Amino acid sequence: MNIVLLSPEAICPVNTGGRIVVYNRIKYLSLQGNKIFVFTIVDSREEFLIQKESLGNIAEECKCYLRKDYLFSSMKNSLSMPYAVASRTISDMKKDIDILLQNESIDLIDIEYPQMAINVIENIEKYNIPCVLGLANIEYLSLKNIGDSIKSPIKRAIYKFEAKRLERFETSLYNSGIINAFTFVSESDKEYFENTVSKINITYLSPIGAESDHNGDRVIHDGVNIMIFGKMSYPPNIEGVLWFYNNVWPDIKETVKNVSLYIVGRDPSKELVNISDESVIVTGTVDSVEEYYYKADVVAIPIFSGGGVKTKLIEAISYNVPVVCTSSGACGTKFENEKHMFITDDSHEFANRIIEIVLNQGDVNERMKQAYQLFKKEYTWEGICRGLNDFLNTLIV
């Protein structure tokens, strides 16, 4: 298949959940003989160059657009559409896609996230090409949930207003009939979508995965390392890390000697950077999270809002690292409390579970073994994208 793929942000470096999903879809669909033509929006010249270098070996072509070049039009468009859509409305992308469709035999258009659809709606209708929309979560619900978690009344009101606008945009798009199929990363989102959208076509479950062939070894280190991963400017991640630091970390430090907390992720917020604690390391942007998984004794996933399946959960298990997470962190997966990991929303139990793991209380190895077996069965990128490839082929017959 020749596939046009639209992404709302830079795909590389592959250091956030959304980027991991899109990158691996491109990689594994390409390995199965498909040609992928990528169109993506970037925030800097550096990101522009990274896309060209990193995607050059797996994509047939990659066109990038600097968001700042379209700032004026974004502000203008935001008067009539939600900002999440307006800021991704790229006039040159529309033209370039149209030129590509004139010159190449394109079998399928893959839109990652609904806000990117604005750049290709006219082309779908003009060329009558099958289109699939990838939903990492129900976007407007995710935006609303973030708004609910924000303390500032003004910011909360803005998020709720934008969530309502985005809901209207998404509902109109879904009911337009121009999307042939929808893919979801969790069964719960798929079911919600099927029960709430009046006019839908085909739906398909394509869960978030991880690589299964990590080649590195565990890093021998002094003390105990607790890791939290994520984009650290994302409000639900900030909320979760601060909850962990204020309510869980004191109990752990009191019991476990020589313990360190690593907060690993790009764009850490001011609240996180200003944490004054010698036992806490805020890394900022890292080229690869792999080295941190190799020296992690426990991965903590303290998250209470947002949406979708948490890529960091699947990744941690793929590295065979024990996990303690909140119920929201495990939502949308088949991993179970006690059997595969520890799941709790209580701060003291969260701390006690981590302490139990690092002090080797209980059968941690058996739990990790069960989790890894489920991962190999359900959540490897190779297996997931093989099924996705078969599904996409059914759309062009």
Protein backbone atom coordinates (compact mmCIF):
# COMPACT_ATOMS: atom_id res chain seq x y z
CA MET A 1 0.00 0.00 0.00
CA ASN A 2 0.95 3.62 -0.53
CA ILE A 3 -0.17 5.45 2.60
CA VAL A 4 -0.32 9.17 3.42
CA LEU A 5 0.11 9.67 7.18
CA LEU A 6 -0.61 12.95 8.98
CA SER A 7 0.85 13.61 12.44
CA PRO A 8 0.03 16.66 14.63
CA GLU A 9 3.53 17.00 16.08
CA ALA A 10 7.14 15.99 15.54
CA ILE A 11 7.59 12.23 15.61
CA CYS A 12 11.28 12.23 16.53
CA PRO A 13 13.00 12.15 18.91
CA VAL A 14 10.79 9.28 20.02
CA ASN A 15 10.45 10.40 23.64
CA THR A 16 6.71 10.74 24.38
CA GLY A 17 3.81 8.31 24.27
CA GLY A 18 2.17 9.79 21.17
CA ARG A 19 5.47 9.87 19.27
CA ILE A 20 6.22 6.27 20.17
CA VAL A 21 2.90 5.14 18.72
CA VAL A 22 3.20 7.02 15.43
CA TYR A 23 6.88 6.17 14.91
CA ASN A 24 6.33 2.46 15.37
CA ARG A 25 3.29 2.41 13.10
CA ILE A 26 5.43 3.97 10.38
CA LYS A 27 8.35 1.63 11.08
CA TYR A 28 6.46 -1.64 11.15
CA LEU A 29 4.05 -0.83 8.35
CA SER A 30 7.09 0.05 6.23
CA LEU A 31 8.76 -3.24 7.14
CA GLN A 32 5.70 -4.99 5.72
CA GLY A 33 6.30 -3.45 2.30
CA ASN A 34 4.16 -0.33 2.53
CA LYS A 35 5.33 3.10 1.37
CA ILE A 36 4.53 5.79 3.94
CA PHE A 37 4.39 9.48 2.95
CA VAL A 38 4.59 11.47 6.20
CA PHE A 39 3.27 15.00 6.77
CA THR A 40 3.97 16.45 10.20
CA ILE A 41 4.14 19.72 12.14
CA VAL A 42 7.28 20.67 14.09
CA ASP A 43 8.08 23.39 16.62
CA SER A 44 11.69 24.17 15.72
CA ARG A 45 14.30 23.97 12.98
CA GLU A 46 16.08 21.34 15.08
CA GLU A 47 12.98 19.13 15.09
CA PHE A 48 12.69 19.68 11.35
CA LEU A 49 16.18 18.26 10.78
CA ILE A 50 15.65 15.37 13.21
CA GLN A 51 12.53 14.24 11.31
CA LYS A 52 14.39 14.16 8.02
CA GLU A 53 17.27 12.18 9.49
CA SER A 54 15.32 9.75 11.69
CA LEU A 55 12.41 9.01 9.36
CA GLY A 56 14.50 8.89 6.19
CA ASN A 57 15.15 5.17 6.50
CA ILE A 58 11.58 4.11 7.25
CA ALA A 59 9.35 6.56 5.37
CA GLU A 60 9.16 7.01 1.62
CA GLU A 61 8.96 10.77 2.10
CA CYS A 62 8.68 13.17 5.04
CA LYS A 63 7.44 16.75 4.77
CA CYS A 64 7.63 19.00 7.84
CA TYR A 65 6.03 22.36 8.56
CA LEU A 66 7.22 24.84 11.19
CA ARG A 67 4.27 25.74 13.39
CA LYS A 68 5.53 29.29 14.01
CA ASP A 69 5.37 30.05 10.29
CA TYR A 70 1.58 29.73 10.49
CA LEU A 71 1.02 31.53 13.81
CA PHE A 72 -0.97 34.42 12.34
CA SER A 73 -3.30 32.15 10.40
CA SER A 74 -3.66 29.93 13.49
CA MET A 75 -4.83 32.86 15.59
CA LYS A 76 -7.20 33.96 12.84
CA ASN A 77 -8.61 30.45 12.38
CA SER A 78 -9.09 30.05 16.14
CA LEU A 79 -11.94 32.56 15.94
CA SER A 80 -14.03 29.99 14.08
CA MET A 81 -12.58 26.65 15.22
CA PRO A 82 -11.00 25.12 18.34
CA TYR A 83 -7.37 26.12 18.80
CA ALA A 84 -6.22 22.48 18.69
CA VAL A 85 -7.51 22.44 15.10
CA ALA A 86 -6.61 26.02 14.15
CA SER A 87 -2.98 25.57 15.21
CA ARG A 88 -2.71 22.53 12.94
CA THR A 89 -4.39 24.02 9.90
CA ILE A 90 -1.45 24.31 7.48
CA SER A 91 -2.23 25.75 4.04
CA ASP A 92 1.03 24.50 2.49
CA MET A 93 0.39 20.99 3.78
CA LYS A 94 -2.98 20.96 2.03
CA LYS A 95 -1.32 22.00 -1.25
CA ASP A 96 1.51 19.47 -0.92
CA ILE A 97 -0.89 16.62 -0.20
CA ASP A 98 -2.95 17.59 -3.22
CA ILE A 99 0.17 17.54 -5.44
CA LEU A 100 1.17 14.14 -4.05
CA LEU A 101 -2.27 12.69 -4.73
CA GLN A 102 -2.08 13.94 -8.32
CA ASN A 103 1.31 12.33 -8.93
CA GLU A 104 1.23 9.14 -6.84
CA SER A 105 -1.20 6.28 -6.63
CA ILE A 106 -2.22 6.57 -2.98
CA ASP A 107 -4.24 3.72 -1.51
CA LEU A 108 -5.05 5.08 1.94
CA ILE A 109 -4.91 8.21 4.10
CA ASP A 110 -4.07 7.70 7.78
CA ILE A 111 -4.93 10.68 10.00
CA GLU A 112 -3.35 10.48 13.45
CA TYR A 113 -5.61 12.54 15.75
CA PRO A 114 -8.83 14.22 14.52
CA GLN A 115 -7.44 17.77 14.58
CA MET A 116 -5.25 16.91 11.58
CA ALA A 117 -8.26 16.03 9.42
CA ILE A 118 -8.73 19.70 8.53
CA ASN A 119 -5.73 19.43 6.20
CA VAL A 120 -7.08 16.61 4.09
CA ILE A 121 -10.89 16.70 4.17
CA GLU A 122 -11.13 18.32 0.74
CA ASN A 123 -8.68 15.82 -0.73
CA ILE A 124 -10.59 12.84 0.64
CA GLU A 125 -13.74 14.03 -1.08
CA LYS A 126 -11.92 15.07 -4.27
CA TYR A 127 -9.97 11.84 -4.84
CA ASN A 128 -12.31 9.41 -3.07
CA ILE A 129 -9.46 7.71 -1.20
CA PRO A 130 -10.21 5.46 1.80
CA CYS A 131 -9.37 7.17 5.07
CA VAL A 132 -8.67 5.83 8.56
CA LEU A 133 -8.60 8.01 11.67
CA GLY A 134 -6.30 6.96 14.52
CA LEU A 135 -7.60 7.91 17.95
CA ALA A 136 -5.13 7.70 20.84
CA ASN A 137 -8.05 8.74 23.04
CA ILE A 138 -11.31 10.66 22.80
CA GLU A 139 -9.61 14.03 22.33
CA TYR A 140 -12.29 16.37 23.62
CA LEU A 141 -12.84 14.21 26.71
CA SER A 142 -9.11 14.23 27.38
CA LEU A 143 -9.06 18.03 27.13
CA LYS A 144 -12.06 18.27 29.45
CA ASN A 145 -10.43 15.94 31.99
CA ILE A 146 -7.28 18.05 31.97
CA GLY A 147 -9.39 21.15 32.56
CA ASP A 148 -11.11 19.51 35.53
CA SER A 149 -7.72 18.87 37.15
CA ILE A 150 -6.43 22.46 36.83
CA LYS A 151 -6.72 24.67 39.92
CA SER A 152 -6.74 28.06 38.18
CA PRO A 153 -10.41 29.03 37.51
CA ILE A 154 -9.44 30.99 34.38
CA LYS A 155 -7.36 28.18 32.87
CA ARG A 156 -10.02 25.63 33.82
CA ALA A 157 -12.68 27.71 32.06
CA ILE A 158 -10.52 28.02 28.93
CA TYR A 159 -9.92 24.26 28.80
CA LYS A 160 -13.62 23.52 29.21
CA PHE A 161 -14.54 26.06 26.54
CA GLU A 162 -12.00 24.58 24.12
CA ALA A 163 -13.13 21.05 24.97
CA LYS A 164 -16.70 21.97 24.03
CA ARG A 165 -15.56 23.49 20.73
CA LEU A 166 -13.44 20.42 20.01
CA GLU A 167 -16.39 18.15 20.79
CA ARG A 168 -18.50 19.95 18.18
CA PHE A 169 -15.70 19.69 15.62
CA GLU A 170 -15.10 15.99 16.29
CA THR A 171 -18.82 15.14 16.26
CA SER A 172 -19.25 16.89 12.92
CA LEU A 173 -16.21 15.09 11.50
CA TYR A 174 -17.28 11.65 12.75
CA ASN A 175 -20.82 12.06 11.45
CA SER A 176 -19.73 13.42 8.05
CA GLY A 177 -19.23 9.91 6.66
CA ILE A 178 -15.89 10.74 5.01
CA ILE A 179 -13.91 8.59 7.48
CA ASN A 180 -14.05 4.93 6.47
CA ALA A 181 -12.65 3.47 9.68
CA PHE A 182 -11.50 4.40 13.18
CA THR A 183 -8.71 2.78 15.19
CA PHE A 184 -8.46 2.87 18.99
CA VAL A 185 -5.75 2.00 21.48
CA SER A 186 -8.15 0.86 24.21
CA GLU A 187 -11.34 -1.20 24.27
CA SER A 188 -13.00 1.30 26.64
CA ASP A 189 -12.51 4.21 24.20
CA LYS A 190 -13.71 2.05 21.33
CA GLU A 191 -16.88 1.11 23.21
CA TYR A 192 -17.53 4.71 24.30
CA PHE A 193 -17.14 5.90 20.73
CA GLU A 194 -19.47 3.24 19.35
CA ASN A 195 -22.11 4.10 21.97
CA THR A 196 -22.00 7.89 21.56
CA VAL A 197 -21.35 8.62 17.88
CA SER A 198 -24.53 8.31 15.85
CA LYS A 199 -22.91 7.69 12.48
CA ILE A 200 -19.78 5.55 12.40
CA ASN A 201 -18.27 3.08 10.02
CA ILE A 202 -15.73 0.40 10.90
CA THR A 203 -13.86 0.41 14.23
CA TYR A 204 -10.69 -1.50 15.03
CA LEU A 205 -8.69 -2.03 18.22
CA SER A 206 -4.96 -1.43 17.70
CA PRO A 207 -3.41 -1.20 21.16
CA ILE A 208 -0.24 0.61 22.18
CA GLY A 209 2.80 -1.63 22.12
CA ALA A 210 6.52 -1.67 22.77
CA GLU A 211 9.63 -3.23 21.31
CA SER A 212 10.26 -6.79 22.45
CA ASP A 213 13.93 -7.07 21.54
CA HIS A 214 15.75 -4.69 23.89
CA ASN A 215 19.43 -5.47 23.55
CA GLY A 216 20.86 -3.67 26.55
CA ASP A 217 21.59 -5.00 30.02
CA ARG A 218 20.54 -3.86 33.43
CA VAL A 219 22.85 -1.09 34.68
CA ILE A 220 24.54 -1.93 37.96
CA HIS A 221 24.16 1.05 40.27
CA ASP A 222 24.39 2.06 43.90
CA GLY A 223 21.20 2.63 45.84
CA VAL A 224 17.64 2.40 44.56
CA ASN A 225 16.21 4.24 41.53
CA ILE A 226 12.51 5.06 41.20
CA MET A 227 11.55 6.35 37.74
CA ILE A 228 8.63 8.43 36.51
CA PHE A 229 8.41 8.96 32.74
CA GLY A 230 6.37 11.34 30.59
CA LYS A 231 6.14 14.72 28.89
CA MET A 232 6.56 16.92 31.94
CA SER A 233 4.70 19.94 30.59
CA TYR A 234 1.54 17.83 30.25
CA PRO A 235 -0.83 18.87 33.10
CA PRO A 236 -1.85 15.31 34.13
CA ASN A 237 1.83 14.33 34.40
CA ILE A 238 2.65 17.44 36.45
CA GLU A 239 -0.32 16.74 38.74
CA GLY A 240 0.72 13.12 39.19
CA VAL A 241 4.39 13.83 39.88
CA LEU A 242 3.55 16.49 42.47
CA TRP A 243 1.08 14.13 44.14
CA PHE A 244 3.78 11.46 44.25
CA TYR A 245 6.47 13.81 45.54
CA ASN A 246 4.28 15.35 48.25
CA ASN A 247 2.36 12.27 49.40
CA VAL A 248 4.33 9.14 48.46
CA TRP A 249 7.99 10.09 48.35
CA PRO A 250 8.33 11.04 52.06
CA ASP A 251 7.21 7.51 53.12
CA ILE A 252 9.68 5.90 50.72
CA LYS A 253 12.63 8.07 51.79
CA GLU A 254 11.93 7.35 55.43
CA THR A 255 12.19 3.57 54.89
CA VAL A 256 14.53 3.03 51.92
CA LYS A 257 18.14 4.14 52.22
CA ASN A 258 20.06 5.76 49.36
CA VAL A 259 16.97 6.10 47.16
CA SER A 260 16.65 8.46 44.18
CA LEU A 261 13.63 9.66 42.25
CA TYR A 262 14.17 10.32 38.53
CA ILE A 263 11.59 12.50 36.76
CA VAL A 264 12.34 11.72 33.11
CA GLY A 265 10.72 13.68 30.29
CA ARG A 266 10.85 16.72 28.08
CA ASP A 267 9.81 20.26 28.96
CA PRO A 268 9.56 19.94 32.75
CA SER A 269 7.27 22.56 34.25
CA LYS A 270 8.47 25.25 36.64
CA GLU A 271 6.93 23.39 39.58
CA LEU A 272 9.03 20.31 38.82
CA VAL A 273 12.27 22.15 38.03
CA ASN A 274 11.96 24.04 41.33
CA ILE A 275 11.79 20.87 43.45
CA SER A 276 14.64 21.38 45.92
CA ASP A 277 15.56 17.88 47.02
CA GLU A 278 18.93 16.18 46.54
CA SER A 279 17.19 12.82 46.15
CA VAL A 280 15.20 14.06 43.09
CA ILE A 281 16.68 14.32 39.59
CA VAL A 282 14.67 16.17 36.93
CA THR A 283 16.34 15.19 33.65
CA GLY A 284 14.52 17.33 31.12
CA THR A 285 14.66 16.15 27.49
CA VAL A 286 16.63 12.95 26.93
CA ASP A 287 17.70 11.45 23.62
CA SER A 288 16.46 8.03 24.69
CA VAL A 289 14.62 6.74 27.74
CA GLU A 290 16.26 3.33 27.35
CA GLU A 291 19.20 3.94 29.68
CA TYR A 292 16.79 5.02 32.42
CA TYR A 293 14.71 1.86 32.12
CA TYR A 294 17.92 -0.19 32.40
CA LYS A 295 18.81 1.40 35.72
CA ALA A 296 15.26 1.55 37.13
CA ASP A 297 14.36 -0.55 40.15
CA VAL A 298 10.69 0.48 40.00
CA VAL A 299 8.64 2.53 37.53
CA ALA A 300 5.94 4.64 39.18
CA ILE A 301 2.97 5.83 37.11
CA PRO A 302 1.03 8.33 39.24
CA ILE A 303 -1.61 9.75 36.94
CA PHE A 304 -5.23 10.66 37.64
CA SER A 305 -6.54 12.45 34.55
CA GLY A 306 -6.06 12.69 30.80
CA GLY A 307 -7.07 9.87 28.49
CA GLY A 308 -5.91 6.88 26.52
CA VAL A 309 -3.59 4.00 27.31
CA LYS A 310 -0.33 5.03 28.93
CA THR A 311 2.60 4.11 26.68
CA LYS A 312 4.95 4.33 29.66
CA LEU A 313 3.17 1.34 31.26
CA ILE A 314 3.66 -0.94 28.24
CA GLU A 315 7.25 0.24 27.86
CA ALA A 316 8.15 -0.42 31.49
CA ILE A 317 6.83 -3.96 31.28
CA SER A 318 8.69 -4.53 28.00
CA TYR A 319 11.91 -3.74 29.89
CA ASN A 320 10.84 -6.19 32.61
CA VAL A 321 10.75 -3.52 35.31
CA PRO A 322 8.26 -3.76 38.19
CA VAL A 323 5.44 -1.19 38.05
CA VAL A 324 3.29 0.55 40.63
CA CYS A 325 0.57 2.74 39.15
CA THR A 326 -2.76 4.41 39.80
CA SER A 327 -5.95 2.96 38.36
CA SER A 328 -5.94 5.59 35.61
CA GLY A 329 -2.40 4.52 34.69
CA ALA A 330 -3.53 0.95 33.99
CA CYS A 331 -6.83 1.90 32.35
CA GLY A 332 -7.50 0.36 28.94
CA THR A 333 -5.08 -2.57 29.34
CA LYS A 334 -5.40 -6.20 30.38
CA PHE A 335 -2.88 -5.89 33.20
CA GLU A 336 -4.34 -6.74 36.60
CA ASN A 337 -3.60 -5.65 40.14
CA GLU A 338 -1.50 -8.12 42.16
CA LYS A 339 -1.16 -10.51 39.22
CA HIS A 340 0.96 -8.30 36.94
CA MET A 341 1.70 -5.15 38.97
CA PHE A 342 0.42 -3.09 41.87
CA ILE A 343 -2.47 -0.70 41.19
CA THR A 344 -3.64 1.74 43.85
CA ASP A 345 -4.83 5.34 44.21
CA ASP A 346 -3.98 5.53 47.91
CA SER A 347 -0.72 7.37 48.57
CA HIS A 348 0.37 5.28 51.58
CA GLU A 349 -0.36 1.99 49.83
CA PHE A 350 1.45 3.31 46.74
CA ALA A 351 4.53 3.96 48.88
CA ASN A 352 4.26 0.61 50.68
CA ARG A 353 4.04 -1.28 47.39
CA ILE A 354 7.23 0.36 46.13
CA ILE A 355 8.94 -0.37 49.43
CA GLU A 356 7.77 -3.98 49.21
CA ILE A 357 9.36 -4.32 45.76
CA VAL A 358 12.74 -2.72 46.57
CA LEU A 359 13.09 -4.64 49.83
CA ASN A 360 12.22 -7.89 48.03
CA GLN A 361 9.13 -8.55 50.09
CA GLY A 362 6.82 -10.88 48.19
CA ASP A 363 7.25 -12.67 44.90
CA VAL A 364 8.21 -9.78 42.63
CA ASN A 365 9.85 -12.01 40.02
CA GLU A 366 6.72 -14.09 39.47
CA ARG A 367 4.62 -10.96 39.03
CA MET A 368 7.10 -9.55 36.49
CA LYS A 369 7.12 -12.88 34.65
CA GLN A 370 3.31 -12.87 34.37
CA ALA A 371 3.32 -9.26 33.15
CA TYR A 372 5.98 -9.93 30.52
CA GLN A 373 4.16 -12.99 29.21
CA LEU A 374 0.99 -10.92 28.71
CA PHE A 375 3.05 -8.20 27.02
CA LYS A 376 4.57 -10.70 24.56
CA LYS A 377 1.15 -12.07 23.75
CA GLU A 378 -0.77 -8.80 23.34
CA TYR A 379 1.47 -5.74 23.17
CA THR A 380 4.50 -6.11 20.88
CA TRP A 381 4.67 -3.60 18.03
CA GLU A 382 5.48 -6.30 15.52
CA GLY A 383 2.33 -8.27 16.30
CA ILE A 384 0.11 -5.21 16.66
CA CYS A 385 1.19 -3.71 13.33
CA ARG A 386 0.89 -7.03 11.53
CA GLY A 387 -2.78 -7.07 12.52
CA LEU A 388 -3.14 -3.38 11.68
CA ASN A 389 -1.65 -3.97 8.23
CA ASP A 390 -4.14 -6.76 7.55
CA PHE A 391 -6.99 -4.52 8.68
CA LEU A 392 -5.89 -1.56 6.52
CA ASN A 393 -5.72 -3.83 3.49
CA THR A 394 -9.41 -4.66 3.92
CA LEU A 395 -10.25 -0.96 3.47
CA ILE A 396 -8.80 -0.72 -0.03
CA VAL A 397 -10.27 -3.91 -1.52
